[in-house]
C-alpha cells in the first residue's frame, strides 16, 4: 500500500494552506532545491560542457520519459521529455496529418483545451490544401469519425469540468475508421490510472507541472505507439531528433524510435527539478492514488452539496466518469474563489463561472478536505465573496 502520510511530508506546503490546485501547478517537493543545486554546482559548475556526457544530460529526456511511462501505462523507450506542451501538441498533430496524407480533417470537441485547438488551427492555416479543424460537441465526437479524419485529438480529462472521457470507446471508433488518436494527458498523468498500452493509443502528450509537480513551465512529454513510431515523420525536425546530431549533416535523417520526437536542447535544470518529484512518485502505486482520489472527491462533493446548495456541481457524480478534480459553477465564482484563497484554501477559477478544486493524495488527506468544505461553507453562508476586494480580476485566474 502507498504511504500518503509519508509522501505528504516530502512536499513544502505553506503553514495553514490547503492546496487544492495541484491540477494547475503542483507544489514544491522538498528535495527539489537540493537536486537543482546539485545540478548547478556539481554538474554545471564543476563539469562545465563535459556535463553533457559525464552527468548524462543528453540522456535525461529519455531516462525521465521511461519514469513517466510507468505512470501512464506505457512501455519503456516510448516516451521522451522536452520542449513545451504546445510544441509537443503541434508536433503530434503535424506528424499525424503528414502520416495520413489523403485525409484532411483534424477532429476534436468543444471541451478540448483551447491551446490544443489553437495549435491545430495554426497547422491547418499553414497547410491549407483543404485541411480543416472540425470541432463538435463531446457527445458527438464518435459520430463524426469517418474515413476523412486524419486524427482525433482530445483531452482525456476535461480541464474545466473534470469529466473523464470514454477513451476506449473513442479509440475503438477511430481504429474502425483508420483514424489516428492523439490523447492529451495534461489532467491524467499522475491523476488517474491511464494505460496507453491497453488503450492502443497512437500518440499522447502531457505536461509535468500539474500532478507530476515538476515546477512552473517544466518540460512536456510525448508518447508514440512503438508500432507506429518508425513510420512517423516527426515534421517538427530538430537537431536532437536526427539519427546522428553531431555529424551536423545539412540533410535531416530522423533517428529511430522515440528519439525522432526530440526537438531542441534538453532543459537540464528543469528536468532535474522534475526528477526530484518522480523520486516521490516511484514510492507509490498509481492505482492507490486513483482509489484515494475517488474517496477524497466523493467526500468533497457530498460535503459541499450539503452545506453550499447555491453551488452547482458540473463534475460527473460517478467516480469512473471523472478525473481527480471537482468543479462547481457559481455566478460569482471568481470572487468566491478569491475569498477561499484568502482564507487558506487554494483552488482556481475558469470562465465563465467555474470554481475548480484538484485532489492529489500525495499531499491532500481527508482532514484537509473537511477543512476546505467548512471554509467554503463559511464563505457561502456569510456572502464573504461579496467584498469589493474580491471582485478585481488578476491576470491569472
Protein backbone atom coordinates (compact mmCIF):
# COMPACT_ATOMS: atom_id res chain seq x y z
CA UNK A 1 0.00 0.00 0.00
CA UNK A 2 1.16 3.52 -0.77
CA UNK A 3 2.09 5.62 2.27
CA UNK A 4 0.48 9.01 1.62
CA UNK A 5 1.31 10.24 5.12
CA UNK A 6 4.96 9.87 4.15
CA UNK A 7 4.58 11.48 0.74
CA UNK A 8 2.80 14.47 2.26
CA UNK A 9 5.84 15.07 4.47
CA UNK A 10 8.01 15.28 1.35
CA UNK A 11 6.32 18.41 -0.01
CA UNK A 12 6.76 22.00 1.06
CA UNK A 13 3.26 23.17 1.95
CA UNK A 14 2.92 26.67 3.44
CA UNK A 15 1.60 26.58 7.00
CA UNK A 16 -2.18 26.89 7.22
CA UNK A 17 -2.75 26.33 3.49
CA UNK A 18 -4.98 23.63 2.00
CA UNK A 19 -3.73 23.32 -1.56
CA UNK A 20 -6.44 22.14 -3.95
CA UNK A 21 -4.82 23.43 -7.14
CA UNK A 22 -2.31 20.69 -7.93
CA UNK A 23 -4.30 20.18 -11.13
CA UNK A 24 -2.93 23.55 -12.25
CA UNK A 25 0.50 23.70 -10.59
CA UNK A 26 1.86 21.05 -8.26
CA UNK A 27 3.55 22.13 -5.02
CA UNK A 28 7.30 22.06 -4.38
CA UNK A 29 8.90 18.75 -3.33
CA UNK A 30 11.34 19.43 -0.51
CA UNK A 31 14.20 17.70 -2.33
CA UNK A 32 13.83 19.80 -5.46
CA UNK A 33 16.03 22.61 -4.21
CA UNK A 34 18.88 20.22 -3.34
CA UNK A 35 18.51 18.45 -6.69
CA UNK A 36 18.70 21.73 -8.59
CA UNK A 37 21.64 22.92 -6.51
CA UNK A 38 23.46 19.69 -7.27
CA UNK A 39 22.84 20.20 -10.99
CA UNK A 40 24.04 23.79 -10.83
CA UNK A 41 27.05 23.36 -8.56
CA UNK A 42 28.30 19.81 -9.03
CA UNK A 43 27.36 19.35 -12.66
CA UNK A 44 27.20 22.67 -14.50
CA UNK A 45 29.68 24.35 -12.13
CA UNK A 46 32.29 21.60 -11.92
CA UNK A 47 31.81 19.77 -15.19
CA UNK A 48 31.02 22.69 -17.48
CA UNK A 49 30.32 21.46 -21.01
CA UNK A 50 31.54 17.96 -20.17
CA UNK A 51 28.31 17.54 -18.18
CA UNK A 52 26.56 16.53 -21.38
CA UNK A 53 28.47 13.25 -21.14
CA UNK A 54 29.59 12.96 -17.51
CA UNK A 55 26.25 13.93 -15.98
CA UNK A 56 24.26 12.24 -18.77
CA UNK A 57 22.40 15.44 -19.63
CA UNK A 58 21.91 14.22 -23.18
CA UNK A 59 20.25 11.04 -21.92
CA UNK A 60 17.94 12.76 -19.42
CA UNK A 61 14.92 13.23 -21.72
CA UNK A 62 14.56 9.51 -22.45
CA UNK A 63 15.51 8.33 -18.96
CA UNK A 64 12.90 10.61 -17.41
CA UNK A 65 10.50 9.61 -20.17
CA UNK A 66 10.82 5.99 -19.04
CA UNK A 67 9.95 7.03 -15.49
CA UNK A 68 6.83 8.86 -16.67
CA UNK A 69 5.91 5.89 -18.87
CA UNK A 70 5.32 3.82 -15.73
CA UNK A 71 2.64 6.28 -14.59
CA UNK A 72 0.71 6.25 -17.87
CA UNK A 73 0.82 2.57 -18.74
CA UNK A 74 3.43 2.86 -21.48
CA UNK A 75 6.39 0.61 -22.19
CA UNK A 76 9.98 1.77 -21.94
CA UNK A 77 11.52 3.72 -24.82
CA UNK A 78 8.15 5.16 -25.90
CA UNK A 79 8.22 8.50 -24.04
CA UNK A 80 10.62 11.42 -24.22
CA UNK A 81 10.66 14.74 -22.36
CA UNK A 82 11.49 18.23 -23.60
CA UNK A 83 10.08 21.43 -25.07
CA UNK A 84 6.66 22.77 -24.02
CA UNK A 85 3.28 21.09 -24.22
CA UNK A 86 2.17 23.39 -27.04
CA UNK A 87 5.18 22.32 -29.09
CA UNK A 88 4.50 18.65 -28.41
CA UNK A 89 0.83 19.07 -29.34
CA UNK A 90 1.83 20.71 -32.62
CA UNK A 91 4.42 18.01 -33.28
CA UNK A 92 1.88 15.22 -32.69
CA UNK A 93 -0.76 16.90 -34.87
CA UNK A 94 1.68 17.61 -37.69
CA UNK A 95 3.10 14.10 -37.61
CA UNK A 96 -0.36 12.51 -37.69
CA UNK A 97 -1.53 14.78 -40.53
CA UNK A 98 1.55 14.03 -42.60
CA UNK A 99 1.16 10.29 -41.98
CA UNK A 100 -2.47 10.42 -43.14
CA UNK A 101 -1.74 12.33 -46.36
CA UNK A 102 -5.07 11.63 -48.04
CA UNK A 103 -7.17 12.70 -45.05
CA UNK A 104 -7.97 16.34 -44.48
CA UNK A 105 -9.78 16.60 -41.13
CA UNK A 106 -8.42 17.03 -37.63
CA UNK A 107 -11.36 16.24 -35.36
CA UNK A 108 -11.79 17.45 -31.80
CA UNK A 109 -14.51 18.52 -29.38
CA UNK A 110 -15.58 21.86 -27.98
CA UNK A 111 -14.46 20.89 -24.47
CA UNK A 112 -10.86 20.37 -25.53
CA UNK A 113 -8.27 22.69 -24.04
CA UNK A 114 -8.24 25.78 -26.31
CA UNK A 115 -4.46 25.75 -26.69
CA UNK A 116 -4.63 22.34 -28.39
CA UNK A 117 -7.22 23.69 -30.80
CA UNK A 118 -5.09 26.77 -31.49
CA UNK A 119 -2.18 24.51 -32.44
CA UNK A 120 -4.38 22.55 -34.83
CA UNK A 121 -5.78 25.72 -36.38
CA UNK A 122 -2.26 27.08 -36.88
CA UNK A 123 -1.21 23.87 -38.59
CA UNK A 124 -4.24 23.86 -40.88
CA UNK A 125 -3.73 27.53 -41.79
CA UNK A 126 -0.19 26.72 -42.79
CA UNK A 127 -1.06 23.61 -44.79
CA UNK A 128 -4.21 24.95 -46.47
CA UNK A 129 -4.92 22.35 -49.21
CA UNK A 130 -8.47 21.82 -47.91
CA UNK A 131 -7.33 20.74 -44.47
CA UNK A 132 -9.68 21.69 -41.65
CA UNK A 133 -10.18 21.51 -37.92
CA UNK A 134 -13.63 20.19 -37.14
CA UNK A 135 -14.97 20.96 -33.66
CA UNK A 136 -18.04 19.12 -32.40
CA UNK A 137 -19.67 18.59 -29.01
CA UNK A 138 -18.05 15.94 -26.83
CA UNK A 139 -21.02 13.60 -27.10
CA UNK A 140 -20.95 13.87 -30.90
CA UNK A 141 -17.25 13.07 -31.27
CA UNK A 142 -17.63 9.41 -32.19
CA UNK A 143 -20.42 10.04 -34.70
CA UNK A 144 -18.12 12.39 -36.62
CA UNK A 145 -15.22 9.98 -37.04
CA UNK A 146 -15.05 8.85 -40.66
CA UNK A 147 -12.63 7.95 -43.46
CA UNK A 148 -11.63 11.60 -43.98
CA UNK A 149 -10.46 12.14 -40.39
CA UNK A 150 -6.68 12.04 -40.15
CA UNK A 151 -6.66 12.22 -36.36
CA UNK A 152 -8.99 12.60 -33.43
CA UNK A 153 -7.43 14.66 -30.64
CA UNK A 154 -8.92 15.23 -27.21
CA UNK A 155 -8.01 15.76 -23.58
CA UNK A 156 -8.74 12.58 -21.61
CA UNK A 157 -9.96 14.63 -18.65
CA UNK A 158 -11.86 17.85 -19.34
CA UNK A 159 -9.85 20.73 -17.88
CA UNK A 160 -12.96 22.65 -16.86
CA UNK A 161 -15.46 20.07 -15.61
CA UNK A 162 -13.17 17.20 -14.68
CA UNK A 163 -15.16 14.83 -16.88
CA UNK A 164 -13.22 11.71 -17.87
CA UNK A 165 -13.82 10.74 -21.47
CA UNK A 166 -14.58 7.17 -22.52
CA UNK A 167 -11.22 6.98 -24.30
CA UNK A 168 -11.56 3.27 -25.02
CA UNK A 169 -14.80 3.79 -26.93
CA UNK A 170 -13.45 6.76 -28.89
CA UNK A 171 -10.25 4.93 -29.81
CA UNK A 172 -12.22 1.89 -30.98
CA UNK A 173 -14.30 4.08 -33.31
CA UNK A 174 -11.16 5.79 -34.62
CA UNK A 175 -9.44 2.50 -35.41
CA UNK A 176 -12.53 1.21 -37.21
CA UNK A 177 -12.27 4.25 -39.50
CA UNK A 178 -8.49 4.26 -39.89
CA UNK A 179 -8.03 7.50 -37.92
CA UNK A 180 -5.16 8.11 -35.53
CA UNK A 181 -5.78 9.16 -31.92
CA UNK A 182 -3.84 11.86 -30.08
CA UNK A 183 -4.53 11.91 -26.35
CA UNK A 184 -3.72 14.94 -24.18
CA UNK A 185 -2.80 13.67 -20.70
CA UNK A 186 -2.37 17.06 -19.03
CA UNK A 187 -5.03 16.20 -16.44
CA UNK A 188 -4.39 12.45 -16.50
CA UNK A 189 -0.71 11.83 -15.78
CA UNK A 190 -0.38 11.37 -12.03
CA UNK A 191 -4.12 11.66 -11.51
CA UNK A 192 -5.83 8.62 -12.99
CA UNK A 193 -4.95 5.06 -13.97
CA UNK A 194 -4.43 5.66 -17.69
CA UNK A 195 -2.94 2.73 -19.57
CA UNK A 196 -1.77 3.74 -23.03
CA UNK A 197 -0.68 0.23 -23.94
CA UNK A 198 -4.06 -1.32 -23.19
CA UNK A 199 -5.87 1.53 -24.94
CA UNK A 200 -3.64 1.16 -28.01
CA UNK A 201 -3.24 4.93 -28.23
CA UNK A 202 -1.27 6.20 -31.25
CA UNK A 203 0.19 9.38 -29.77
CA UNK A 204 -0.10 11.11 -26.42
CA UNK A 205 1.25 14.32 -24.94
CA UNK A 206 1.23 15.81 -21.47
CA UNK A 207 2.73 18.37 -19.14
CA UNK A 208 4.70 17.77 -15.95
CA UNK A 209 3.88 20.87 -13.90
CA UNK A 210 0.44 19.74 -12.71
CA UNK A 211 0.09 16.43 -10.88
CA UNK A 212 3.72 15.50 -11.59
CA UNK A 213 4.98 18.55 -9.63
CA UNK A 214 7.84 19.44 -11.97
CA UNK A 215 7.52 23.18 -11.33
CA UNK A 216 6.15 26.13 -13.33
CA UNK A 217 6.95 25.71 -17.01
CA UNK A 218 8.53 22.28 -16.56
CA UNK A 219 9.02 20.35 -19.81
CA UNK A 220 6.32 18.36 -21.56
CA UNK A 221 6.42 14.76 -22.73
CA UNK A 222 5.32 12.92 -25.84
CA UNK A 223 4.44 9.24 -26.31
CA UNK A 224 4.27 7.35 -29.60
CA UNK A 225 2.99 3.81 -30.00
CA UNK A 226 6.06 1.60 -30.72
CA UNK A 227 4.24 0.02 -33.67
CA UNK A 228 3.89 3.45 -35.28
CA UNK A 229 6.99 5.39 -34.33
CA UNK A 230 9.38 4.34 -37.11
CA UNK A 231 6.75 5.04 -39.77
CA UNK A 232 6.09 8.52 -38.46
CA UNK A 233 7.75 11.64 -39.81
CA UNK A 234 8.32 13.95 -36.81
CA UNK A 235 7.65 17.01 -39.05
CA UNK A 236 8.93 19.43 -36.42
CA UNK A 237 12.51 18.41 -37.08
CA UNK A 238 15.10 19.44 -34.52
CA UNK A 239 18.75 18.55 -34.38
CA UNK A 240 18.37 16.16 -31.44
CA UNK A 241 15.83 14.16 -33.40
CA UNK A 242 18.47 13.49 -36.05
CA UNK A 243 19.97 9.99 -36.24
CA UNK A 244 23.45 11.49 -35.87
CA UNK A 245 23.08 15.02 -34.48
CA UNK A 246 26.80 15.57 -34.09
CA UNK A 247 27.55 14.74 -37.70
CA UNK A 248 25.97 18.13 -38.47
CA UNK A 249 24.61 16.93 -41.78
CA UNK A 250 22.63 19.50 -43.73
CA UNK A 251 20.03 16.86 -44.56
CA UNK A 252 17.67 15.65 -41.86
CA UNK A 253 17.54 11.90 -41.22
CA UNK A 254 15.23 11.04 -38.32
CA UNK A 255 16.52 8.84 -35.54
CA UNK A 256 14.84 5.52 -34.88
CA UNK A 257 12.37 5.06 -32.06
CA UNK A 258 11.21 7.78 -29.71
CA UNK A 259 14.44 9.74 -30.28
CA UNK A 260 12.95 11.06 -33.52
CA UNK A 261 10.40 13.04 -31.48
CA UNK A 262 13.11 15.02 -29.73
CA UNK A 263 13.50 18.58 -30.96
CA UNK A 264 15.61 21.09 -29.03
CA UNK A 265 18.34 21.03 -26.43
CA UNK A 266 17.17 19.43 -23.16
CA UNK A 267 16.24 21.91 -20.39
CA UNK A 268 18.66 20.27 -17.96
CA UNK A 269 17.88 22.26 -14.82
CA UNK A 270 14.13 21.97 -15.32
CA UNK A 271 14.39 18.22 -15.87
CA UNK A 272 16.43 17.94 -12.67
CA UNK A 273 13.54 19.53 -10.76
CA UNK A 274 11.16 17.02 -12.31
CA UNK A 275 13.43 14.16 -11.27
CA UNK A 276 13.03 15.13 -7.63
CA UNK A 277 9.27 14.80 -7.88
CA UNK A 278 9.47 11.50 -9.74
CA UNK A 279 11.50 10.13 -6.82
CA UNK A 280 8.34 10.56 -4.72
CA UNK A 281 6.12 9.09 -7.41
CA UNK A 282 8.20 5.94 -7.52
CA UNK A 283 7.26 5.19 -3.89
CA UNK A 284 3.52 4.94 -4.65
CA UNK A 285 1.21 2.93 -6.86
CA UNK A 286 -0.98 4.81 -9.33
CA UNK A 287 -3.92 2.51 -8.55
CA UNK A 288 -3.69 3.51 -4.87
CA UNK A 289 -3.56 7.15 -5.96
CA UNK A 290 -6.71 6.70 -8.03
CA UNK A 291 -8.60 4.86 -5.28
CA UNK A 292 -7.77 7.53 -2.69
CA UNK A 293 -8.55 10.32 -5.13
CA UNK A 294 -12.05 8.93 -5.58
CA UNK A 295 -12.55 8.84 -1.82
CA UNK A 296 -11.42 12.45 -1.43
CA UNK A 297 -13.51 13.78 -4.31
CA UNK A 298 -16.57 11.86 -3.09
CA UNK A 299 -16.10 13.40 0.35
CA UNK A 300 -15.78 16.89 -1.08
CA UNK A 301 -18.81 16.60 -3.36
CA UNK A 302 -21.02 15.28 -0.55
CA UNK A 303 -19.90 17.93 1.93
CA UNK A 304 -20.17 20.90 -0.42
CA UNK A 305 -23.61 19.89 -1.70
CA UNK A 306 -24.88 19.56 1.86
CA UNK A 307 -23.51 22.89 3.08
CA UNK A 308 -23.39 25.04 -0.07
CA UNK A 309 -26.60 24.41 -2.02
CA UNK A 310 -26.06 27.55 -4.09
CA UNK A 311 -23.12 25.83 -5.85
CA UNK A 312 -23.97 23.64 -8.83
CA UNK A 313 -21.89 20.50 -9.39
CA UNK A 314 -20.72 20.22 -13.01
CA UNK A 315 -18.29 17.34 -12.47
CA UNK A 316 -19.72 13.86 -13.15
CA UNK A 317 -21.06 12.30 -9.98
CA UNK A 318 -19.97 8.77 -10.89
CA UNK A 319 -16.27 8.28 -9.97
CA UNK A 320 -15.47 6.35 -13.15
CA UNK A 321 -16.60 9.36 -15.20
CA UNK A 322 -14.34 11.95 -13.59
CA UNK A 323 -10.68 12.69 -13.13
CA UNK A 324 -9.13 13.98 -9.90
CA UNK A 325 -10.82 17.36 -9.73
CA UNK A 326 -14.22 18.68 -8.72
CA UNK A 327 -15.82 21.74 -10.32
CA UNK A 328 -18.80 23.76 -9.22
CA UNK A 329 -20.49 26.58 -11.10
CA UNK A 330 -21.48 29.74 -9.25
CA UNK A 331 -22.43 33.11 -10.71
CA UNK A 332 -19.87 34.86 -8.51
CA UNK A 333 -17.33 32.07 -8.77
CA UNK A 334 -14.29 34.27 -9.31
CA UNK A 335 -14.91 36.36 -6.21
CA UNK A 336 -15.79 33.28 -4.17
CA UNK A 337 -12.51 31.65 -5.17
CA UNK A 338 -10.56 34.75 -4.16
CA UNK A 339 -12.25 34.57 -0.76
CA UNK A 340 -11.28 30.89 -0.49
CA UNK A 341 -7.68 31.71 -1.26
CA UNK A 342 -7.58 34.48 1.35
CA UNK A 343 -8.90 32.05 3.95
CA UNK A 344 -6.24 29.47 3.09
CA UNK A 345 -7.95 27.14 0.65
CA UNK A 346 -6.37 27.47 -2.79
CA UNK A 347 -8.28 26.36 -5.86
CA UNK A 348 -8.77 28.26 -9.11
CA UNK A 349 -11.39 29.69 -11.46
CA UNK A 350 -12.22 29.11 -15.10
CA UNK A 351 -14.50 31.40 -17.06
CA UNK A 352 -17.33 31.99 -17.11
CA UNK A 353 -18.34 30.70 -13.65
CA UNK A 354 -16.39 27.57 -12.72
CA UNK A 355 -14.66 27.01 -9.38
CA UNK A 356 -12.10 24.18 -9.71
CA UNK A 357 -10.62 22.08 -6.91
CA UNK A 358 -7.93 19.45 -7.51
CA UNK A 359 -7.26 16.47 -5.24
CA UNK A 360 -3.81 14.91 -5.06
CA UNK A 361 -3.48 12.12 -2.47
CA UNK A 362 0.28 12.60 -2.33
CA UNK A 363 -0.30 15.71 -0.20
CA UNK A 364 -4.06 16.02 0.45
CA UNK A 365 -5.92 13.94 3.04
CA UNK A 366 -9.48 13.70 4.37
CA UNK A 367 -8.82 16.24 7.14
CA UNK A 368 -7.74 18.77 4.51
CA UNK A 369 -10.91 18.08 2.56
CA UNK A 370 -13.09 18.58 5.61
CA UNK A 371 -11.44 21.89 6.40
CA UNK A 372 -11.90 23.01 2.79
CA UNK A 373 -15.60 22.17 2.99
CA UNK A 374 -16.02 24.17 6.21
CA UNK A 375 -14.16 27.16 4.74
CA UNK A 376 -16.27 27.16 1.59
CA UNK A 377 -19.44 26.83 3.68
CA UNK A 378 -18.45 29.87 5.74
CA UNK A 379 -17.81 31.94 2.63
CA UNK A 380 -21.15 31.00 1.11
CA UNK A 381 -23.28 31.31 4.25
CA UNK A 382 -21.87 34.75 5.09
CA UNK A 383 -21.59 36.02 1.48
CA UNK A 384 -17.93 36.81 2.11
CA UNK A 385 -17.33 36.71 -1.64
CA UNK A 386 -19.30 39.97 -1.93
CA UNK A 387 -16.40 42.02 -0.54
CA UNK A 388 -15.24 44.50 -3.26
CA UNK A 389 -11.62 43.40 -2.86
CA UNK A 390 -12.52 40.01 -4.33
CA UNK A 391 -14.06 41.45 -7.49
CA UNK A 392 -10.90 42.67 -9.23
CA UNK A 393 -9.62 40.18 -11.80
CA UNK A 394 -5.98 39.15 -11.80
CA UNK A 395 -4.10 38.19 -14.98
CA UNK A 396 -4.08 34.55 -13.91
CA UNK A 397 -7.36 33.20 -12.58
